[in-house]
Amino acid sequence: MSQTVQKAVLLAAGRGTRMRELTNELPKPMIEVRGKPILEHILEGLRAAGVTRFLIVVGYRAEVVRNHFGDGARFGVQVEYVNQTVQDGTGRVVDLGRAFTGEDPFILSYGDILVAPENYHRLATMDDAEALISVKKNEDVSKGGAVFVNERFELTDLREKPQPGEPTSPWYNAGVYTFRPSIYAFTAKLQKSPRGEYELTDAIRDLAMSGQKVQALELAGAWADVRDPEVLAQLNATAS
């Protein structure tokens, strides 16, 4: 039986140094795309898909996020906040949502990922999978994660930034997920990666390797990782 997801955790703690002076005064997720912050686009898309409760993970310039969204009332949702005090990777960040998510499934999105809003409806419906991982085809996997799938489009492996000569895949990790609370058992066991960080992708990989079903979901329509000023300029030059 399918379950509708009503909670989301949004990651908005980072400065985004590649944005240079654009993030002197505000965190990257609060940079405007087509007249409103990236984070607001995400929240509104999720709200339209039935998500009503949000936890925003804040850190750098946290007050900018808090002042904009408040308790969520003016957006028709409930918003809570938690501070990420140590920037030690995406794996540990998820644990900050544990009290908020409780026994419920939840959507997790990076605060700088824009997707066509209709995708949120698909991410907000959980069937028999323990996790959903969004993917895009033909992106440069050396800049992110290569997602390996079987004939049922279930994740079999996930490799972060594969180097030339290493196994690769046409499926790129698009940075939006749906999890059941089972993910916490795997984030708790994480070891630091060669980059010196706790990687969420390692926990997802371990979840799949444990025999649990992690379903890949190809995103429809536009997708953007607002990673640098060039991507930002491109988005703002395109009509909404």
C-alpha atoms as a PDB file:
ATOM      1  CA  MET A   1       0.000   0.000   0.000  1.00  0.00           C
ATOM      2  CA  SER A   2       1.381   3.412  -0.914  1.00  0.00           C
ATOM      3  CA  GLN A   3       2.049   6.033   1.730  1.00  0.00           C
ATOM      4  CA  THR A   4       1.924   9.793   1.179  1.00  0.00           C
ATOM      5  CA  VAL A   5       4.905  11.704   2.515  1.00  0.00           C
ATOM      6  CA  GLN A   6       4.080  14.861   4.483  1.00  0.00           C
ATOM      7  CA  LYS A   7       7.467  15.825   5.923  1.00  0.00           C
ATOM      8  CA  ALA A   8      10.576  17.249   4.271  1.00  0.00           C
ATOM      9  CA  VAL A   9      14.092  18.082   5.430  1.00  0.00           C
ATOM     10  CA  LEU A  10      15.793  20.860   3.459  1.00  0.00           C
ATOM     11  CA  LEU A  11      19.555  21.352   3.693  1.00  0.00           C
ATOM     12  CA  ALA A  12      20.450  25.042   3.769  1.00  0.00           C
ATOM     13  CA  ALA A  13      23.464  25.304   6.079  1.00  0.00           C
ATOM     14  CA  GLY A  14      26.234  25.878   3.556  1.00  0.00           C
ATOM     15  CA  ARG A  15      27.652  29.139   2.306  1.00  0.00           C
ATOM     16  CA  GLY A  16      28.377  28.016  -1.246  1.00  0.00           C
ATOM     17  CA  THR A  17      31.893  29.373  -1.747  1.00  0.00           C
ATOM     18  CA  ARG A  18      31.748  28.815  -5.525  1.00  0.00           C
ATOM     19  CA  MET A  19      29.144  31.588  -5.632  1.00  0.00           C
ATOM     20  CA  ARG A  20      31.925  33.968  -4.543  1.00  0.00           C
ATOM     21  CA  GLU A  21      30.647  37.410  -3.455  1.00  0.00           C
ATOM     22  CA  LEU A  22      27.007  36.410  -4.039  1.00  0.00           C
ATOM     23  CA  THR A  23      27.066  34.584  -0.701  1.00  0.00           C
ATOM     24  CA  ASN A  24      28.834  37.256   1.335  1.00  0.00           C
ATOM     25  CA  GLU A  25      25.540  38.167   2.983  1.00  0.00           C
ATOM     26  CA  LEU A  26      23.324  35.144   2.481  1.00  0.00           C
ATOM     27  CA  PRO A  27      23.535  31.333   2.241  1.00  0.00           C
ATOM     28  CA  LYS A  28      23.447  29.869  -1.255  1.00  0.00           C
ATOM     29  CA  PRO A  29      19.888  28.444  -0.986  1.00  0.00           C
ATOM     30  CA  MET A  30      18.630  32.012  -0.473  1.00  0.00           C
ATOM     31  CA  ILE A  31      20.050  33.278  -3.773  1.00  0.00           C
ATOM     32  CA  GLU A  32      17.191  34.353  -6.030  1.00  0.00           C
ATOM     33  CA  VAL A  33      16.270  32.504  -9.196  1.00  0.00           C
ATOM     34  CA  ARG A  34      13.517  34.158 -11.223  1.00  0.00           C
ATOM     35  CA  GLY A  35      12.578  36.512  -8.418  1.00  0.00           C
ATOM     36  CA  LYS A  36      12.538  34.231  -5.388  1.00  0.00           C
ATOM     37  CA  PRO A  37      15.037  32.247  -3.329  1.00  0.00           C
ATOM     38  CA  ILE A  38      15.948  28.746  -4.534  1.00  0.00           C
ATOM     39  CA  LEU A  39      14.702  27.392  -1.200  1.00  0.00           C
ATOM     40  CA  GLU A  40      11.293  28.997  -1.711  1.00  0.00           C
ATOM     41  CA  HIS A  41      10.907  27.281  -5.104  1.00  0.00           C
ATOM     42  CA  ILE A  42      11.649  23.954  -3.367  1.00  0.00           C
ATOM     43  CA  LEU A  43       9.246  24.564  -0.487  1.00  0.00           C
ATOM     44  CA  GLU A  44       6.416  25.625  -2.806  1.00  0.00           C
ATOM     45  CA  GLY A  45       6.923  22.614  -5.061  1.00  0.00           C
ATOM     46  CA  LEU A  46       6.808  20.258  -2.095  1.00  0.00           C
ATOM     47  CA  ARG A  47       3.786  22.016  -0.614  1.00  0.00           C
ATOM     48  CA  ALA A  48       1.892  21.487  -3.883  1.00  0.00           C
ATOM     49  CA  ALA A  49       2.711  17.766  -3.564  1.00  0.00           C
ATOM     50  CA  GLY A  50       1.096  17.607  -0.116  1.00  0.00           C
ATOM     51  CA  VAL A  51       4.099  18.164   2.137  1.00  0.00           C
ATOM     52  CA  THR A  52       3.008  20.294   5.100  1.00  0.00           C
ATOM     53  CA  ARG A  53       5.846  20.059   7.625  1.00  0.00           C
ATOM     54  CA  PHE A  54       9.387  21.220   6.963  1.00  0.00           C
ATOM     55  CA  LEU A  55      12.654  21.093   8.854  1.00  0.00           C
ATOM     56  CA  ILE A  56      15.254  23.475   7.468  1.00  0.00           C
ATOM     57  CA  VAL A  57      18.849  22.735   8.440  1.00  0.00           C
ATOM     58  CA  VAL A  58      20.569  26.096   8.804  1.00  0.00           C
ATOM     59  CA  GLY A  59      24.126  27.186   9.519  1.00  0.00           C
ATOM     60  CA  TYR A  60      25.824  30.013   7.641  1.00  0.00           C
ATOM     61  CA  ARG A  61      23.710  33.206   7.873  1.00  0.00           C
ATOM     62  CA  ALA A  62      20.917  31.216   9.490  1.00  0.00           C
ATOM     63  CA  GLU A  63      18.990  34.363  10.331  1.00  0.00           C
ATOM     64  CA  VAL A  64      18.406  35.099   6.633  1.00  0.00           C
ATOM     65  CA  VAL A  65      16.544  31.791   6.252  1.00  0.00           C
ATOM     66  CA  ARG A  66      14.646  32.153   9.540  1.00  0.00           C
ATOM     67  CA  ASN A  67      13.569  35.717   8.777  1.00  0.00           C
ATOM     68  CA  HIS A  68      12.280  34.762   5.340  1.00  0.00           C
ATOM     69  CA  PHE A  69      10.317  31.626   6.197  1.00  0.00           C
ATOM     70  CA  GLY A  70       9.459  32.226   9.870  1.00  0.00           C
ATOM     71  CA  ASP A  71       7.174  29.496  11.174  1.00  0.00           C
ATOM     72  CA  GLY A  72       5.912  28.832   7.648  1.00  0.00           C
ATOM     73  CA  ALA A  73       2.442  30.286   8.236  1.00  0.00           C
ATOM     74  CA  ARG A  74       2.576  32.736   5.343  1.00  0.00           C
ATOM     75  CA  PHE A  75       3.456  29.834   3.049  1.00  0.00           C
ATOM     76  CA  GLY A  76       0.664  27.643   4.419  1.00  0.00           C
ATOM     77  CA  VAL A  77       3.028  25.123   6.028  1.00  0.00           C
ATOM     78  CA  GLN A  78       4.831  24.480   9.327  1.00  0.00           C
ATOM     79  CA  VAL A  79       8.550  25.218   9.406  1.00  0.00           C
ATOM     80  CA  GLU A  80      11.042  24.243  12.100  1.00  0.00           C
ATOM     81  CA  TYR A  81      14.807  24.767  12.167  1.00  0.00           C
ATOM     82  CA  VAL A  82      17.892  22.974  13.393  1.00  0.00           C
ATOM     83  CA  ASN A  83      21.453  24.295  13.359  1.00  0.00           C
ATOM     84  CA  GLN A  84      24.296  22.393  11.766  1.00  0.00           C
ATOM     85  CA  THR A  85      27.257  23.505  13.836  1.00  0.00           C
ATOM     86  CA  VAL A  86      29.895  21.191  12.350  1.00  0.00           C
ATOM     87  CA  GLN A  87      30.242  20.956   8.561  1.00  0.00           C
ATOM     88  CA  ASP A  88      31.432  17.355   8.309  1.00  0.00           C
ATOM     89  CA  GLY A  89      29.496  16.047   5.350  1.00  0.00           C
ATOM     90  CA  THR A  90      26.005  15.172   4.189  1.00  0.00           C
ATOM     91  CA  GLY A  91      25.802  11.903   6.106  1.00  0.00           C
ATOM     92  CA  ARG A  92      25.723  13.481   9.551  1.00  0.00           C
ATOM     93  CA  VAL A  93      23.295  16.224   8.495  1.00  0.00           C
ATOM     94  CA  VAL A  94      20.511  13.686   8.010  1.00  0.00           C
ATOM     95  CA  ASP A  95      20.793  12.676  11.671  1.00  0.00           C
ATOM     96  CA  LEU A  96      19.798  16.225  12.638  1.00  0.00           C
ATOM     97  CA  GLY A  97      16.324  15.433  11.323  1.00  0.00           C
ATOM     98  CA  ARG A  98      15.773  12.329  13.406  1.00  0.00           C
ATOM     99  CA  ALA A  99      13.577  13.875  16.122  1.00  0.00           C
ATOM    100  CA  PHE A 100      11.565  15.771  13.500  1.00  0.00           C
ATOM    101  CA  THR A 101      10.900  12.819  11.190  1.00  0.00           C
ATOM    102  CA  GLY A 102      10.204  10.261  13.936  1.00  0.00           C
ATOM    103  CA  GLU A 103       8.641   7.123  12.463  1.00  0.00           C
ATOM    104  CA  ASP A 104       7.492   8.872   9.275  1.00  0.00           C
ATOM    105  CA  PRO A 105       8.981   8.800   5.781  1.00  0.00           C
ATOM    106  CA  PHE A 106      10.420  12.111   4.589  1.00  0.00           C
ATOM    107  CA  ILE A 107      11.757  13.858   1.520  1.00  0.00           C
ATOM    108  CA  LEU A 108      15.310  15.203   1.726  1.00  0.00           C
ATOM    109  CA  SER A 109      16.461  17.904  -0.674  1.00  0.00           C
ATOM    110  CA  TYR A 110      19.630  19.888  -0.977  1.00  0.00           C
ATOM    111  CA  GLY A 111      18.792  23.577  -0.818  1.00  0.00           C
ATOM    112  CA  ASP A 112      20.407  24.350  -4.159  1.00  0.00           C
ATOM    113  CA  ILE A 113      18.674  21.750  -6.355  1.00  0.00           C
ATOM    114  CA  LEU A 114      15.813  22.882  -8.576  1.00  0.00           C
ATOM    115  CA  VAL A 115      13.539  20.326 -10.221  1.00  0.00           C
ATOM    116  CA  ALA A 116      10.346  20.557 -12.256  1.00  0.00           C
ATOM    117  CA  PRO A 117       7.636  20.684  -9.536  1.00  0.00           C
ATOM    118  CA  GLU A 118       5.677  17.679 -10.852  1.00  0.00           C
ATOM    119  CA  ASN A 119       8.526  15.436  -9.684  1.00  0.00           C
ATOM    120  CA  TYR A 120       7.716  16.133  -6.051  1.00  0.00           C
ATOM    121  CA  HIS A 121       4.381  14.321  -6.390  1.00  0.00           C
ATOM    122  CA  ARG A 122       6.234  11.153  -7.379  1.00  0.00           C
ATOM    123  CA  LEU A 123       8.771  11.552  -4.579  1.00  0.00           C
ATOM    124  CA  ALA A 124       5.938  12.044  -2.076  1.00  0.00           C
ATOM    125  CA  THR A 125       4.470   8.590  -2.757  1.00  0.00           C
ATOM    126  CA  MET A 126       6.213   5.673  -1.070  1.00  0.00           C
ATOM    127  CA  ASP A 127       5.292   2.117  -2.040  1.00  0.00           C
ATOM    128  CA  ASP A 128       7.384  -0.844  -0.911  1.00  0.00           C
ATOM    129  CA  ALA A 129      10.808   0.829  -1.216  1.00  0.00           C
ATOM    130  CA  GLU A 130      12.934   1.847   1.762  1.00  0.00           C
ATOM    131  CA  ALA A 131      14.246   4.822  -0.183  1.00  0.00           C
ATOM    132  CA  LEU A 132      13.802   6.683  -3.471  1.00  0.00           C
ATOM    133  CA  ILE A 133      16.759   8.309  -5.200  1.00  0.00           C
ATOM    134  CA  SER A 134      16.165  10.817  -7.987  1.00  0.00           C
ATOM    135  CA  VAL A 135      18.354  10.529 -11.079  1.00  0.00           C
ATOM    136  CA  LYS A 136      18.997  12.411 -14.316  1.00  0.00           C
ATOM    137  CA  LYS A 137      20.512  10.962 -17.464  1.00  0.00           C
ATOM    138  CA  ASN A 138      23.627  12.217 -19.213  1.00  0.00           C
ATOM    139  CA  GLU A 139      24.845  14.664 -16.575  1.00  0.00           C
ATOM    140  CA  ASP A 140      28.573  14.742 -15.814  1.00  0.00           C
ATOM    141  CA  VAL A 141      28.873  12.039 -13.135  1.00  0.00           C
ATOM    142  CA  SER A 142      32.437  13.135 -12.334  1.00  0.00           C
ATOM    143  CA  LYS A 143      30.832  16.168 -10.597  1.00  0.00           C
ATOM    144  CA  GLY A 144      28.529  14.063  -8.422  1.00  0.00           C
ATOM    145  CA  GLY A 145      27.351  10.511  -7.962  1.00  0.00           C
ATOM    146  CA  ALA A 146      26.991   7.741 -10.535  1.00  0.00           C
ATOM    147  CA  VAL A 147      23.906   5.630  -9.806  1.00  0.00           C
ATOM    148  CA  PHE A 148      23.974   1.988 -10.945  1.00  0.00           C
ATOM    149  CA  VAL A 149      20.616   0.242 -11.422  1.00  0.00           C
ATOM    150  CA  ASN A 150      19.234  -3.185 -12.330  1.00  0.00           C
ATOM    151  CA  GLU A 151      16.479  -4.029 -14.845  1.00  0.00           C
ATOM    152  CA  ARG A 152      13.816  -2.979 -12.298  1.00  0.00           C
ATOM    153  CA  PHE A 153      15.529   0.419 -11.949  1.00  0.00           C
ATOM    154  CA  GLU A 154      16.545  -0.393  -8.376  1.00  0.00           C
ATOM    155  CA  LEU A 155      19.854   0.931  -7.104  1.00  0.00           C
ATOM    156  CA  THR A 156      22.657  -1.646  -7.031  1.00  0.00           C
ATOM    157  CA  ASP A 157      25.604   0.696  -6.461  1.00  0.00           C
ATOM    158  CA  LEU A 158      26.371   4.369  -5.962  1.00  0.00           C
ATOM    159  CA  ARG A 159      29.800   5.845  -6.568  1.00  0.00           C
ATOM    160  CA  GLU A 160      30.757   9.402  -5.696  1.00  0.00           C
ATOM    161  CA  LYS A 161      32.635  11.320  -8.404  1.00  0.00           C
ATOM    162  CA  PRO A 162      34.035   8.318 -10.324  1.00  0.00           C
ATOM    163  CA  GLN A 163      37.459   8.943 -11.829  1.00  0.00           C
ATOM    164  CA  PRO A 164      38.467   8.070 -15.417  1.00  0.00           C
ATOM    165  CA  GLY A 165      38.884   4.307 -15.701  1.00  0.00           C
ATOM    166  CA  GLU A 166      36.520   3.562 -12.805  1.00  0.00           C
ATOM    167  CA  PRO A 167      33.100   1.953 -13.410  1.00  0.00           C
ATOM    168  CA  THR A 168      30.520   4.526 -14.422  1.00  0.00           C
ATOM    169  CA  SER A 169      26.833   4.869 -15.261  1.00  0.00           C
ATOM    170  CA  PRO A 170      24.660   7.182 -17.379  1.00  0.00           C
ATOM    171  CA  TRP A 171      22.523   7.920 -14.303  1.00  0.00           C
ATOM    172  CA  TYR A 172      23.470  10.935 -12.202  1.00  0.00           C
ATOM    173  CA  ASN A 173      22.418  11.348  -8.578  1.00  0.00           C
ATOM    174  CA  ALA A 174      20.041  14.339  -8.758  1.00  0.00           C
ATOM    175  CA  GLY A 175      20.120  15.230  -5.058  1.00  0.00           C
ATOM    176  CA  VAL A 176      16.506  14.730  -3.953  1.00  0.00           C
ATOM    177  CA  TYR A 177      15.535  11.639  -1.950  1.00  0.00           C
ATOM    178  CA  THR A 178      12.724  10.031  -0.011  1.00  0.00           C
ATOM    179  CA  PHE A 179      13.667   7.951   3.013  1.00  0.00           C
ATOM    180  CA  ARG A 180      12.045   5.811   5.620  1.00  0.00           C
ATOM    181  CA  PRO A 181      13.544   6.050   9.130  1.00  0.00           C
ATOM    182  CA  SER A 182      15.649   2.947   8.347  1.00  0.00           C
ATOM    183  CA  ILE A 183      18.241   5.285   6.782  1.00  0.00           C
ATOM    184  CA  TYR A 184      19.298   6.387  10.282  1.00  0.00           C
ATOM    185  CA  ALA A 185      20.709   2.944  11.086  1.00  0.00           C
ATOM    186  CA  PHE A 186      23.104   3.423   8.173  1.00  0.00           C
ATOM    187  CA  THR A 187      24.047   7.081   8.716  1.00  0.00           C
ATOM    188  CA  ALA A 188      24.909   6.131  12.326  1.00  0.00           C
ATOM    189  CA  LYS A 189      27.513   3.631  11.102  1.00  0.00           C
ATOM    190  CA  LEU A 190      29.232   5.895   8.588  1.00  0.00           C
ATOM    191  CA  GLN A 191      33.008   6.190   8.486  1.00  0.00           C
ATOM    192  CA  LYS A 192      34.700   9.233   7.018  1.00  0.00           C
ATOM    193  CA  SER A 193      35.305   9.085   3.282  1.00  0.00           C
ATOM    194  CA  PRO A 194      38.668   9.789   1.611  1.00  0.00           C
ATOM    195  CA  ARG A 195      37.499  13.428   1.462  1.00  0.00           C
ATOM    196  CA  GLY A 196      37.335  13.439   5.266  1.00  0.00           C
ATOM    197  CA  GLU A 197      33.546  13.699   5.355  1.00  0.00           C
ATOM    198  CA  TYR A 198      30.581  11.527   6.275  1.00  0.00           C
ATOM    199  CA  GLU A 199      28.837  10.926   2.937  1.00  0.00           C
ATOM    200  CA  LEU A 200      25.094  10.373   2.687  1.00  0.00           C
ATOM    201  CA  THR A 201      25.681   8.424  -0.512  1.00  0.00           C
ATOM    202  CA  ASP A 202      27.685   5.824   1.442  1.00  0.00           C
ATOM    203  CA  ALA A 203      24.686   5.281   3.742  1.00  0.00           C
ATOM    204  CA  ILE A 204      22.326   4.911   0.767  1.00  0.00           C
ATOM    205  CA  ARG A 205      24.702   2.435  -0.847  1.00  0.00           C
ATOM    206  CA  ASP A 206      24.924   0.439   2.399  1.00  0.00           C
ATOM    207  CA  LEU A 207      21.108   0.445   2.671  1.00  0.00           C
ATOM    208  CA  ALA A 208      20.843  -1.069  -0.811  1.00  0.00           C
ATOM    209  CA  MET A 209      23.669  -3.548  -0.146  1.00  0.00           C
ATOM    210  CA  SER A 210      21.824  -4.751   2.969  1.00  0.00           C
ATOM    211  CA  GLY A 211      19.095  -6.129   0.702  1.00  0.00           C
ATOM    212  CA  GLN A 212      16.634  -3.255   1.118  1.00  0.00           C
ATOM    213  CA  LYS A 213      14.942  -1.815  -1.945  1.00  0.00           C
ATOM    214  CA  VAL A 214      16.227   1.583  -3.055  1.00  0.00           C
ATOM    215  CA  GLN A 215      14.191   2.652  -6.069  1.00  0.00           C
ATOM    216  CA  ALA A 216      15.692   5.022  -8.629  1.00  0.00           C
ATOM    217  CA  LEU A 217      13.335   7.604 -10.077  1.00  0.00           C
ATOM    218  CA  GLU A 218      14.155   9.444 -13.291  1.00  0.00           C
ATOM    219  CA  LEU A 219      13.223  13.103 -12.981  1.00  0.00           C
ATOM    220  CA  ALA A 220      11.067  14.628 -15.694  1.00  0.00           C
ATOM    221  CA  GLY A 221      11.583  18.098 -17.107  1.00  0.00           C
ATOM    222  CA  ALA A 222      14.082  20.699 -16.015  1.00  0.00           C
ATOM    223  CA  TRP A 223      16.677  20.057 -13.301  1.00  0.00           C
ATOM    224  CA  ALA A 224      19.487  22.299 -12.080  1.00  0.00           C
ATOM    225  CA  ASP A 225      22.217  22.134  -9.488  1.00  0.00           C
ATOM    226  CA  VAL A 226      22.735  25.846  -8.842  1.00  0.00           C
ATOM    227  CA  ARG A 227      26.414  25.273  -8.185  1.00  0.00           C
ATOM    228  CA  ASP A 228      28.037  28.447  -9.508  1.00  0.00           C
ATOM    229  CA  PRO A 229      27.335  31.937 -10.915  1.00  0.00           C
ATOM    230  CA  GLU A 230      27.319  30.601 -14.478  1.00  0.00           C
ATOM    231  CA  VAL A 231      24.431  28.188 -13.776  1.00  0.00           C
ATOM    232  CA  LEU A 232      22.625  30.965 -11.907  1.00  0.00           C
ATOM    233  CA  ALA A 233      22.967  33.397 -14.805  1.00  0.00           C
ATOM    234  CA  GLN A 234      21.667  30.740 -17.193  1.00  0.00           C
ATOM    235  CA  LEU A 235      18.600  30.085 -15.050  1.00  0.00           C
ATOM    236  CA  ASN A 236      17.794  33.748 -14.643  1.00  0.00           C
ATOM    237  CA  ALA A 237      18.134  34.306 -18.387  1.00  0.00           C
ATOM    238  CA  THR A 238      15.502  31.622 -19.039  1.00  0.00           C
ATOM    239  CA  ALA A 239      11.846  32.550 -18.793  1.00  0.00           C
ATOM    240  CA  SER A 240      10.039  30.810 -15.937  1.00  0.00           C
END
